[in-house]
Each structure stands twice: as structure tokens, then as C-alpha cells.
PDB file of N, CA and C in Angstrom:
ATOM      1  N   MET A   1       0.837  -1.166   0.000  1.00  0.00           N
ATOM      2  CA  MET A   1       0.000   0.000   0.000  1.00  0.00           C
ATOM      3  C   MET A   1       0.891   1.241   0.000  1.00  0.00           C
ATOM      4  N   LEU A   2       0.669   2.114  -0.954  1.00  0.00           N
ATOM      5  CA  LEU A   2       1.413   3.362  -1.047  1.00  0.00           C
ATOM      6  C   LEU A   2       0.598   4.491  -0.438  1.00  0.00           C
ATOM      7  N   ILE A   3       1.279   5.333   0.288  1.00  0.00           N
ATOM      8  CA  ILE A   3       0.638   6.492   0.892  1.00  0.00           C
ATOM      9  C   ILE A   3       1.062   7.721   0.102  1.00  0.00           C
ATOM     10  N   ASP A   4       0.104   8.469  -0.371  1.00  0.00           N
ATOM     11  CA  ASP A   4       0.383   9.692  -1.112  1.00  0.00           C
ATOM     12  C   ASP A   4       0.536  10.831  -0.099  1.00  0.00           C
ATOM     13  N   PHE A   5       1.780  11.122   0.257  1.00  0.00           N
ATOM     14  CA  PHE A   5       2.080  12.137   1.262  1.00  0.00           C
ATOM     15  C   PHE A   5       1.510  13.496   0.859  1.00  0.00           C
ATOM     16  N   ARG A   6       1.657  13.853  -0.396  1.00  0.00           N
ATOM     17  CA  ARG A   6       1.176  15.151  -0.864  1.00  0.00           C
ATOM     18  C   ARG A   6      -0.338  15.265  -0.677  1.00  0.00           C
ATOM     19  N   GLN A   7      -1.046  14.212  -1.047  1.00  0.00           N
ATOM     20  CA  GLN A   7      -2.503  14.235  -0.912  1.00  0.00           C
ATOM     21  C   GLN A   7      -2.911  14.317   0.568  1.00  0.00           C
ATOM     22  N   GLN A   8      -2.214  13.610   1.430  1.00  0.00           N
ATOM     23  CA  GLN A   8      -2.513  13.676   2.861  1.00  0.00           C
ATOM     24  C   GLN A   8      -2.283  15.075   3.410  1.00  0.00           C
ATOM     25  N   GLN A   9      -1.195  15.704   3.002  1.00  0.00           N
ATOM     26  CA  GLN A   9      -0.890  17.044   3.493  1.00  0.00           C
ATOM     27  C   GLN A   9      -1.888  18.071   2.962  1.00  0.00           C
ATOM     28  N   GLN A  10      -2.326  17.912   1.715  1.00  0.00           N
ATOM     29  CA  GLN A  10      -3.336  18.818   1.176  1.00  0.00           C
ATOM     30  C   GLN A  10      -4.659  18.636   1.925  1.00  0.00           C
ATOM     31  N   ALA A  11      -5.005  17.396   2.239  1.00  0.00           N
ATOM     32  CA  ALA A  11      -6.224  17.133   3.004  1.00  0.00           C
ATOM     33  C   ALA A  11      -6.118  17.762   4.395  1.00  0.00           C
ATOM     34  N   ARG A  12      -4.949  17.679   5.009  1.00  0.00           N
ATOM     35  CA  ARG A  12      -4.731  18.316   6.313  1.00  0.00           C
ATOM     36  C   ARG A  12      -4.897  19.828   6.204  1.00  0.00           C
ATOM     37  N   PHE A  13      -4.336  20.422   5.154  1.00  0.00           N
ATOM     38  CA  PHE A  13      -4.463  21.865   4.930  1.00  0.00           C
ATOM     39  C   PHE A  13      -5.938  22.253   4.837  1.00  0.00           C
ATOM     40  N   GLU A  14      -6.697  21.517   4.046  1.00  0.00           N
ATOM     41  CA  GLU A  14      -8.117  21.829   3.859  1.00  0.00           C
ATOM     42  C   GLU A  14      -8.904  21.625   5.149  1.00  0.00           C
ATOM     43  N   GLN A  15      -8.533  20.643   5.945  1.00  0.00           N
ATOM     44  CA  GLN A  15      -9.195  20.402   7.223  1.00  0.00           C
ATOM     45  C   GLN A  15      -8.978  21.586   8.168  1.00  0.00           C
ATOM     46  N   VAL A  16      -7.755  22.082   8.242  1.00  0.00           N
ATOM     47  CA  VAL A  16      -7.466  23.237   9.091  1.00  0.00           C
ATOM     48  C   VAL A  16      -8.200  24.466   8.554  1.00  0.00           C
ATOM     49  N   ALA A  17      -8.262  24.624   7.244  1.00  0.00           N
ATOM     50  CA  ALA A  17      -8.974  25.760   6.639  1.00  0.00           C
ATOM     51  C   ALA A  17     -10.459  25.722   7.000  1.00  0.00           C
ATOM     52  N   ARG A  18     -11.064  24.548   6.974  1.00  0.00           N
ATOM     53  CA  ARG A  18     -12.482  24.432   7.359  1.00  0.00           C
ATOM     54  C   ARG A  18     -12.677  24.799   8.834  1.00  0.00           C
ATOM     55  N   ARG A  19     -11.763  24.333   9.697  1.00  0.00           N
ATOM     56  CA  ARG A  19     -11.853  24.688  11.116  1.00  0.00           C
ATOM     57  C   ARG A  19     -11.693  26.196  11.317  1.00  0.00           C
ATOM     58  N   LEU A  20     -10.847  26.796  10.512  1.00  0.00           N
ATOM     59  CA  LEU A  20     -10.640  28.242  10.584  1.00  0.00           C
ATOM     60  C   LEU A  20     -11.926  28.977  10.230  1.00  0.00           C
ATOM     61  N   GLN A  21     -12.631  28.497   9.216  1.00  0.00           N
ATOM     62  CA  GLN A  21     -13.904  29.102   8.848  1.00  0.00           C
ATOM     63  C   GLN A  21     -14.916  28.966   9.984  1.00  0.00           C
ATOM     64  N   GLN A  22     -14.939  27.825  10.627  1.00  0.00           N
ATOM     65  CA  GLN A  22     -15.857  27.631  11.754  1.00  0.00           C
ATOM     66  C   GLN A  22     -15.500  28.566  12.902  1.00  0.00           C
ATOM     67  N   ALA A  23     -14.217  28.741  13.164  1.00  0.00           N
ATOM     68  CA  ALA A  23     -13.770  29.660  14.216  1.00  0.00           C
ATOM     69  C   ALA A  23     -14.168  31.091  13.869  1.00  0.00           C
ATOM     70  N   ALA A  24     -14.136  31.417  12.598  1.00  0.00           N
ATOM     71  CA  ALA A  24     -14.503  32.769  12.163  1.00  0.00           C
ATOM     72  C   ALA A  24     -15.968  33.042  12.457  1.00  0.00           C
ATOM     73  N   ALA A  25     -16.791  32.023  12.311  1.00  0.00           N
ATOM     74  CA  ALA A  25     -18.213  32.190  12.599  1.00  0.00           C
ATOM     75  C   ALA A  25     -18.434  32.515  14.072  1.00  0.00           C
ATOM     76  N   GLU A  26     -17.527  32.045  14.928  1.00  0.00           N
ATOM     77  CA  GLU A  26     -17.630  32.291  16.367  1.00  0.00           C
ATOM     78  C   GLU A  26     -16.890  33.568  16.773  1.00  0.00           C
ATOM     79  N   GLY A  27     -16.147  34.138  15.865  1.00  0.00           N
ATOM     80  CA  GLY A  27     -15.430  35.382  16.140  1.00  0.00           C
ATOM     81  C   GLY A  27     -13.930  35.198  16.080  1.00  0.00           C
ATOM     82  N   LEU A  28     -13.353  35.519  14.966  1.00  0.00           N
ATOM     83  CA  LEU A  28     -11.907  35.429  14.764  1.00  0.00           C
ATOM     84  C   LEU A  28     -11.391  36.857  14.677  1.00  0.00           C
ATOM     85  N   HIS A  29     -10.621  37.268  15.663  1.00  0.00           N
ATOM     86  CA  HIS A  29     -10.159  38.652  15.714  1.00  0.00           C
ATOM     87  C   HIS A  29      -8.665  38.693  16.006  1.00  0.00           C
ATOM     88  N   PHE A  30      -7.990  39.626  15.368  1.00  0.00           N
ATOM     89  CA  PHE A  30      -6.577  39.862  15.610  1.00  0.00           C
ATOM     90  C   PHE A  30      -6.389  41.345  15.856  1.00  0.00           C
ATOM     91  N   ASP A  31      -5.721  41.682  16.943  1.00  0.00           N
ATOM     92  CA  ASP A  31      -5.445  43.084  17.236  1.00  0.00           C
ATOM     93  C   ASP A  31      -4.104  43.524  16.676  1.00  0.00           C
ATOM     94  N   SER A  32      -3.256  42.549  16.351  1.00  0.00           N
ATOM     95  CA  SER A  32      -1.952  42.864  15.774  1.00  0.00           C
ATOM     96  C   SER A  32      -1.475  41.690  14.944  1.00  0.00           C
ATOM     97  N   VAL A  33      -0.476  41.942  14.123  1.00  0.00           N
ATOM     98  CA  VAL A  33       0.095  40.867  13.322  1.00  0.00           C
ATOM     99  C   VAL A  33       0.686  39.800  14.249  1.00  0.00           C
ATOM    100  N   ALA A  34       1.216  40.224  15.397  1.00  0.00           N
ATOM    101  CA  ALA A  34       1.779  39.270  16.356  1.00  0.00           C
ATOM    102  C   ALA A  34       0.717  38.272  16.813  1.00  0.00           C
ATOM    103  N   ASP A  35      -0.538  38.719  16.956  1.00  0.00           N
ATOM    104  CA  ASP A  35      -1.622  37.797  17.316  1.00  0.00           C
ATOM    105  C   ASP A  35      -1.779  36.717  16.252  1.00  0.00           C
ATOM    106  N   PHE A  36      -1.652  37.119  15.004  1.00  0.00           N
ATOM    107  CA  PHE A  36      -1.745  36.155  13.904  1.00  0.00           C
ATOM    108  C   PHE A  36      -0.603  35.150  13.987  1.00  0.00           C
ATOM    109  N   TYR A  37       0.621  35.646  14.167  1.00  0.00           N
ATOM    110  CA  TYR A  37       1.792  34.774  14.226  1.00  0.00           C
ATOM    111  C   TYR A  37       1.692  33.759  15.356  1.00  0.00           C
ATOM    112  N   GLN A  38       1.069  34.149  16.457  1.00  0.00           N
ATOM    113  CA  GLN A  38       0.988  33.296  17.634  1.00  0.00           C
ATOM    114  C   GLN A  38      -0.261  32.422  17.672  1.00  0.00           C
ATOM    115  N   SER A  39      -1.045  32.450  16.611  1.00  0.00           N
ATOM    116  CA  SER A  39      -2.264  31.652  16.560  1.00  0.00           C
ATOM    117  C   SER A  39      -1.937  30.169  16.595  1.00  0.00           C
ATOM    118  N   GLY A  40      -2.594  29.444  17.464  1.00  0.00           N
ATOM    119  CA  GLY A  40      -2.370  28.011  17.561  1.00  0.00           C
ATOM    120  C   GLY A  40      -2.740  27.271  16.281  1.00  0.00           C
ATOM    121  N   TRP A  41      -3.753  27.746  15.581  1.00  0.00           N
ATOM    122  CA  TRP A  41      -4.182  27.059  14.365  1.00  0.00           C
ATOM    123  C   TRP A  41      -3.159  27.199  13.244  1.00  0.00           C
ATOM    124  N   LEU A  42      -2.324  28.212  13.269  1.00  0.00           N
ATOM    125  CA  LEU A  42      -1.304  28.385  12.238  1.00  0.00           C
ATOM    126  C   LEU A  42      -0.335  27.207  12.251  1.00  0.00           C
ATOM    127  N   GLU A  43      -0.047  26.711  13.440  1.00  0.00           N
ATOM    128  CA  GLU A  43       0.859  25.567  13.584  1.00  0.00           C
ATOM    129  C   GLU A  43       0.212  24.251  13.169  1.00  0.00           C
ATOM    130  N   GLN A  44      -1.112  24.223  13.024  1.00  0.00           N
ATOM    131  CA  GLN A  44      -1.806  23.006  12.634  1.00  0.00           C
ATOM    132  C   GLN A  44      -1.710  22.732  11.134  1.00  0.00           C
ATOM    133  N   PHE A  45      -1.384  23.771  10.368  1.00  0.00           N
ATOM    134  CA  PHE A  45      -1.191  23.568   8.931  1.00  0.00           C
ATOM    135  C   PHE A  45       0.035  22.691   8.712  1.00  0.00           C
ATOM    136  N   PRO A  46       0.135  22.005   7.580  1.00  0.00           N
ATOM    137  CA  PRO A  46       1.314  21.171   7.308  1.00  0.00           C
ATOM    138  C   PRO A  46       2.593  22.006   7.248  1.00  0.00           C
ATOM    139  N   ALA A  47       3.701  21.374   7.549  1.00  0.00           N
ATOM    140  CA  ALA A  47       4.997  22.048   7.433  1.00  0.00           C
ATOM    141  C   ALA A  47       5.198  22.461   5.982  1.00  0.00           C
ATOM    142  N   GLY A  48       5.819  23.602   5.782  1.00  0.00           N
ATOM    143  CA  GLY A  48       6.091  24.065   4.427  1.00  0.00           C
ATOM    144  C   GLY A  48       5.110  25.098   3.914  1.00  0.00           C
ATOM    145  N   ILE A  49       4.191  25.573   4.775  1.00  0.00           N
ATOM    146  CA  ILE A  49       3.271  26.612   4.310  1.00  0.00           C
ATOM    147  C   ILE A  49       4.044  27.911   4.104  1.00  0.00           C
ATOM    148  N   ARG A  50       3.514  28.734   3.226  1.00  0.00           N
ATOM    149  CA  ARG A  50       4.018  30.087   3.028  1.00  0.00           C
ATOM    150  C   ARG A  50       2.870  31.019   3.362  1.00  0.00           C
ATOM    151  N   TRP A  51       3.161  32.103   4.081  1.00  0.00           N
ATOM    152  CA  TRP A  51       2.098  33.024   4.422  1.00  0.00           C
ATOM    153  C   TRP A  51       2.601  34.456   4.402  1.00  0.00           C
ATOM    154  N   SER A  52       1.645  35.343   4.229  1.00  0.00           N
ATOM    155  CA  SER A  52       1.943  36.767   4.299  1.00  0.00           C
ATOM    156  C   SER A  52       0.769  37.453   4.979  1.00  0.00           C
ATOM    157  N   VAL A  53       1.072  38.556   5.669  1.00  0.00           N
ATOM    158  CA  VAL A  53       0.074  39.293   6.435  1.00  0.00           C
ATOM    159  C   VAL A  53       0.272  40.773   6.175  1.00  0.00           C
ATOM    160  N   ALA A  54      -0.812  41.500   6.044  1.00  0.00           N
ATOM    161  CA  ALA A  54      -0.748  42.951   5.860  1.00  0.00           C
ATOM    162  C   ALA A  54      -1.803  43.598   6.745  1.00  0.00           C
ATOM    163  N   GLY A  55      -1.542  44.828   7.159  1.00  0.00           N
ATOM    164  CA  GLY A  55      -2.484  45.571   7.987  1.00  0.00           C
ATOM    165  C   GLY A  55      -2.105  45.496   9.444  1.00  0.00           C
ATOM    166  N   LEU A  56      -3.016  45.859  10.284  1.00  0.00           N
ATOM    167  CA  LEU A  56      -2.919  45.826  11.738  1.00  0.00           C
ATOM    168  C   LEU A  56      -1.798  46.673  12.309  1.00  0.00           C
ATOM    169  N   ASP A  57      -0.533  46.296  12.150  1.00  0.00           N
ATOM    170  CA  ASP A  57       0.554  47.014  12.819  1.00  0.00           C
ATOM    171  C   ASP A  57       0.731  48.443  12.318  1.00  0.00           C
ATOM    172  N   ASP A  58       0.252  48.727  11.129  1.00  0.00           N
ATOM    173  CA  ASP A  58       0.404  50.087  10.619  1.00  0.00           C
ATOM    174  C   ASP A  58      -0.811  50.963  10.946  1.00  0.00           C
ATOM    175  N   GLY A  59      -1.635  50.497  11.863  1.00  0.00           N
ATOM    176  CA  GLY A  59      -2.804  51.271  12.263  1.00  0.00           C
ATOM    177  C   GLY A  59      -3.998  51.101  11.343  1.00  0.00           C
ATOM    178  N   ALA A  60      -3.887  50.238  10.369  1.00  0.00           N
ATOM    179  CA  ALA A  60      -4.985  50.013   9.432  1.00  0.00           C
ATOM    180  C   ALA A  60      -6.146  49.316  10.133  1.00  0.00           C
ATOM    181  N   GLU A  61      -7.338  49.581   9.656  1.00  0.00           N
ATOM    182  CA  GLU A  61      -8.512  48.924  10.214  1.00  0.00           C
ATOM    183  C   GLU A  61      -8.796  47.618   9.512  1.00  0.00           C
ATOM    184  N   GLN A  62      -8.111  47.350   8.418  1.00  0.00           N
ATOM    185  CA  GLN A  62      -8.307  46.104   7.689  1.00  0.00           C
ATOM    186  C   GLN A  62      -7.108  45.195   7.872  1.00  0.00           C
ATOM    187  N   PHE A  63      -7.366  43.914   7.745  1.00  0.00           N
ATOM    188  CA  PHE A  63      -6.365  42.883   7.939  1.00  0.00           C
ATOM    189  C   PHE A  63      -6.474  41.921   6.762  1.00  0.00           C
ATOM    190  N   TYR A  64      -5.348  41.548   6.218  1.00  0.00           N
ATOM    191  CA  TYR A  64      -5.340  40.617   5.097  1.00  0.00           C
ATOM    192  C   TYR A  64      -4.235  39.590   5.333  1.00  0.00           C
ATOM    193  N   ALA A  65      -4.563  38.323   5.128  1.00  0.00           N
ATOM    194  CA  ALA A  65      -3.562  37.263   5.251  1.00  0.00           C
ATOM    195  C   ALA A  65      -3.770  36.258   4.133  1.00  0.00           C
ATOM    196  N   ARG A  66      -2.690  35.676   3.718  1.00  0.00           N
ATOM    197  CA  ARG A  66      -2.737  34.630   2.697  1.00  0.00           C
ATOM    198  C   ARG A  66      -1.808  33.511   3.155  1.00  0.00           C
ATOM    199  N   ILE A  67      -2.315  32.287   3.092  1.00  0.00           N
ATOM    200  CA  ILE A  67      -1.551  31.111   3.482  1.00  0.00           C
ATOM    201  C   ILE A  67      -1.582  30.153   2.295  1.00  0.00           C
ATOM    202  N   ASP A  68      -0.413  29.726   1.839  1.00  0.00           N
ATOM    203  CA  ASP A  68      -0.315  28.827   0.688  1.00  0.00           C
ATOM    204  C   ASP A  68       0.434  27.560   1.060  1.00  0.00           C
ATOM    205  N   TYR A  69      -0.010  26.462   0.476  1.00  0.00           N
ATOM    206  CA  TYR A  69       0.691  25.182   0.593  1.00  0.00           C
ATOM    207  C   TYR A  69       0.460  24.424  -0.703  1.00  0.00           C
ATOM    208  N   LEU A  70       1.540  24.104  -1.405  1.00  0.00           N
ATOM    209  CA  LEU A  70       1.461  23.456  -2.719  1.00  0.00           C
ATOM    210  C   LEU A  70       0.468  24.227  -3.567  1.00  0.00           C
ATOM    211  N   ASP A  71      -0.633  23.605  -3.995  1.00  0.00           N
ATOM    212  CA  ASP A  71      -1.585  24.355  -4.814  1.00  0.00           C
ATOM    213  C   ASP A  71      -2.826  24.769  -4.029  1.00  0.00           C
ATOM    214  N   CYS A  72      -2.778  24.679  -2.688  1.00  0.00           N
ATOM    215  CA  CYS A  72      -3.888  25.083  -1.815  1.00  0.00           C
ATOM    216  C   CYS A  72      -3.641  26.485  -1.267  1.00  0.00           C
ATOM    217  N   PHE A  73      -4.726  27.176  -0.941  1.00  0.00           N
ATOM    218  CA  PHE A  73      -4.584  28.507  -0.361  1.00  0.00           C
ATOM    219  C   PHE A  73      -5.717  28.800   0.607  1.00  0.00           C
ATOM    220  N   VAL A  74      -5.457  29.721   1.521  1.00  0.00           N
ATOM    221  CA  VAL A  74      -6.460  30.335   2.390  1.00  0.00           C
ATOM    222  C   VAL A  74      -6.231  31.826   2.302  1.00  0.00           C
ATOM    223  N   ARG A  75      -7.312  32.592   2.107  1.00  0.00           N
ATOM    224  CA  ARG A  75      -7.250  34.053   2.130  1.00  0.00           C
ATOM    225  C   ARG A  75      -8.169  34.542   3.234  1.00  0.00           C
ATOM    226  N   ILE A  76      -7.655  35.414   4.052  1.00  0.00           N
ATOM    227  CA  ILE A  76      -8.444  36.021   5.121  1.00  0.00           C
ATOM    228  C   ILE A  76      -8.459  37.521   4.865  1.00  0.00           C
ATOM    229  N   ASP A  77      -9.636  38.078   4.764  1.00  0.00           N
ATOM    230  CA  ASP A  77      -9.794  39.514   4.555  1.00  0.00           C
ATOM    231  C   ASP A  77     -10.757  40.011   5.630  1.00  0.00           C
ATOM    232  N   ALA A  78     -10.244  40.805   6.546  1.00  0.00           N
ATOM    233  CA  ALA A  78     -11.066  41.285   7.650  1.00  0.00           C
ATOM    234  C   ALA A  78     -11.077  42.802   7.651  1.00  0.00           C
ATOM    235  N   GLY A  79     -12.241  43.329   7.585  1.00  0.00           N
ATOM    236  CA  GLY A  79     -12.464  44.768   7.673  1.00  0.00           C
ATOM    237  C   GLY A  79     -13.779  44.929   8.395  1.00  0.00           C
ATOM    238  N   GLU A  80     -14.710  45.597   7.757  1.00  0.00           N
ATOM    239  CA  GLU A  80     -16.046  45.680   8.336  1.00  0.00           C
ATOM    240  C   GLU A  80     -16.689  44.301   8.369  1.00  0.00           C
ATOM    241  N   MET A  81     -16.365  43.494   7.387  1.00  0.00           N
ATOM    242  CA  MET A  81     -16.839  42.113   7.322  1.00  0.00           C
ATOM    243  C   MET A  81     -15.631  41.186   7.288  1.00  0.00           C
ATOM    244  N   LEU A  82     -15.807  39.985   7.769  1.00  0.00           N
ATOM    245  CA  LEU A  82     -14.762  38.977   7.734  1.00  0.00           C
ATOM    246  C   LEU A  82     -15.058  38.028   6.589  1.00  0.00           C
ATOM    247  N   ARG A  83     -14.059  37.802   5.754  1.00  0.00           N
ATOM    248  CA  ARG A  83     -14.231  36.899   4.619  1.00  0.00           C
ATOM    249  C   ARG A  83     -13.040  35.944   4.601  1.00  0.00           C
ATOM    250  N   ILE A  84     -13.340  34.650   4.532  1.00  0.00           N
ATOM    251  CA  ILE A  84     -12.301  33.627   4.455  1.00  0.00           C
ATOM    252  C   ILE A  84     -12.597  32.748   3.259  1.00  0.00           C
ATOM    253  N   GLU A  85     -11.612  32.588   2.402  1.00  0.00           N
ATOM    254  CA  GLU A  85     -11.721  31.714   1.235  1.00  0.00           C
ATOM    255  C   GLU A  85     -10.625  30.671   1.320  1.00  0.00           C
ATOM    256  N   TYR A  86     -10.950  29.466   0.912  1.00  0.00           N
ATOM    257  CA  TYR A  86      -9.908  28.472   0.758  1.00  0.00           C
ATOM    258  C   TYR A  86     -10.242  27.616  -0.444  1.00  0.00           C
ATOM    259  N   GLY A  87      -9.233  27.030  -1.003  1.00  0.00           N
ATOM    260  CA  GLY A  87      -9.422  26.179  -2.167  1.00  0.00           C
ATOM    261  C   GLY A  87      -8.078  25.824  -2.765  1.00  0.00           C
ATOM    262  N   ARG A  88      -8.124  25.465  -4.012  1.00  0.00           N
ATOM    263  CA  ARG A  88      -6.911  25.142  -4.748  1.00  0.00           C
ATOM    264  C   ARG A  88      -6.799  26.114  -5.910  1.00  0.00           C
ATOM    265  N   HIS A  89      -5.590  26.499  -6.219  1.00  0.00           N
ATOM    266  CA  HIS A  89      -5.372  27.387  -7.352  1.00  0.00           C
ATOM    267  C   HIS A  89      -5.976  26.743  -8.589  1.00  0.00           C
ATOM    268  N   GLN A  90      -6.604  27.535  -9.408  1.00  0.00           N
ATOM    269  CA  GLN A  90      -7.252  27.125 -10.644  1.00  0.00           C
ATOM    270  C   GLN A  90      -8.589  26.449 -10.398  1.00  0.00           C
ATOM    271  N   ASN A  91      -9.061  26.413  -9.154  1.00  0.00           N
ATOM    272  CA  ASN A  91     -10.390  25.913  -8.831  1.00  0.00           C
ATOM    273  C   ASN A  91     -11.177  27.026  -8.169  1.00  0.00           C
ATOM    274  N   ASN A  92     -12.480  26.882  -8.125  1.00  0.00           N
ATOM    275  CA  ASN A  92     -13.287  27.865  -7.421  1.00  0.00           C
ATOM    276  C   ASN A  92     -13.113  27.678  -5.926  1.00  0.00           C
ATOM    277  N   PRO A  93     -12.844  28.751  -5.185  1.00  0.00           N
ATOM    278  CA  PRO A  93     -12.643  28.619  -3.743  1.00  0.00           C
ATOM    279  C   PRO A  93     -13.959  28.437  -3.006  1.00  0.00           C
ATOM    280  N   THR A  94     -13.887  27.866  -1.828  1.00  0.00           N
ATOM    281  CA  THR A  94     -15.005  27.809  -0.904  1.00  0.00           C
ATOM    282  C   THR A  94     -14.912  29.080  -0.084  1.00  0.00           C
ATOM    283  N   THR A  95     -16.003  29.813   0.018  1.00  0.00           N
ATOM    284  CA  THR A  95     -15.969  31.115   0.659  1.00  0.00           C
ATOM    285  C   THR A  95     -16.849  31.127   1.893  1.00  0.00           C
ATOM    286  N   PHE A  96     -16.368  31.795   2.938  1.00  0.00           N
ATOM    287  CA  PHE A  96     -17.152  32.045   4.141  1.00  0.00           C
ATOM    288  C   PHE A  96     -17.135  33.548   4.348  1.00  0.00           C
ATOM    289  N   SER A  97     -18.299  34.116   4.531  1.00  0.00           N
ATOM    290  CA  SER A  97     -18.391  35.559   4.818  1.00  0.00           C
ATOM    291  C   SER A  97     -19.231  35.748   6.058  1.00  0.00           C
ATOM    292  N   GLN A  98     -18.850  36.739   6.862  1.00  0.00           N
ATOM    293  CA  GLN A  98     -19.608  37.055   8.078  1.00  0.00           C
ATOM    294  C   GLN A  98     -19.921  38.522   8.080  1.00  0.00           C
TER     295      GLN A  98
END
């Protein structure tokens, strides 16, 4: 039996992304970029993720984050409304808006 490591890691990424959307429904808030960096769920993603964060520390009222792993992504856009999208590049993303 062969185990497809890549497929398992992508499934793990999507599982964490779904949990993130559920957490957003209950209230996902960051007061600073440091809060994002210290998020416990960030460590739940597979090793090798790439992420970027903008906003918060410069006094902006909006927050934007992007997390990528292989061909999977999560986008978090928080302003007046919170929007989280996840999916695979070249596919339609699953979107959560609050």
C-alpha cells in the first residue's frame, strides 16, 4: 500500500482551513500581526506553508492574510466584514463571509 504524502498534506491543509472558517463564525479577531503569528491554528497547517500578512501594525482597520501550501490557499480579509476563502489554485474557492 502506497501512501500519497502530498494528498494527505493537502487534506490536512483543507481540514485546518475548514476549522478556521468555523472559528470565524464564532469570532476570529486579531489586534496585531503578532496575534496572527501566535495563533495556535497556524501551527496546525502542514509544514512548508508560506504566508503573508498585511495591515494591523500600521494602524490600518483592515487585515489581510494569505496562506499557501502546494496548490492550496487560504485568504483572510477582515475589515467591516470577515471573509475567508480556501481552495486550490485554478479551482473555485469555498468562501465564508460574516
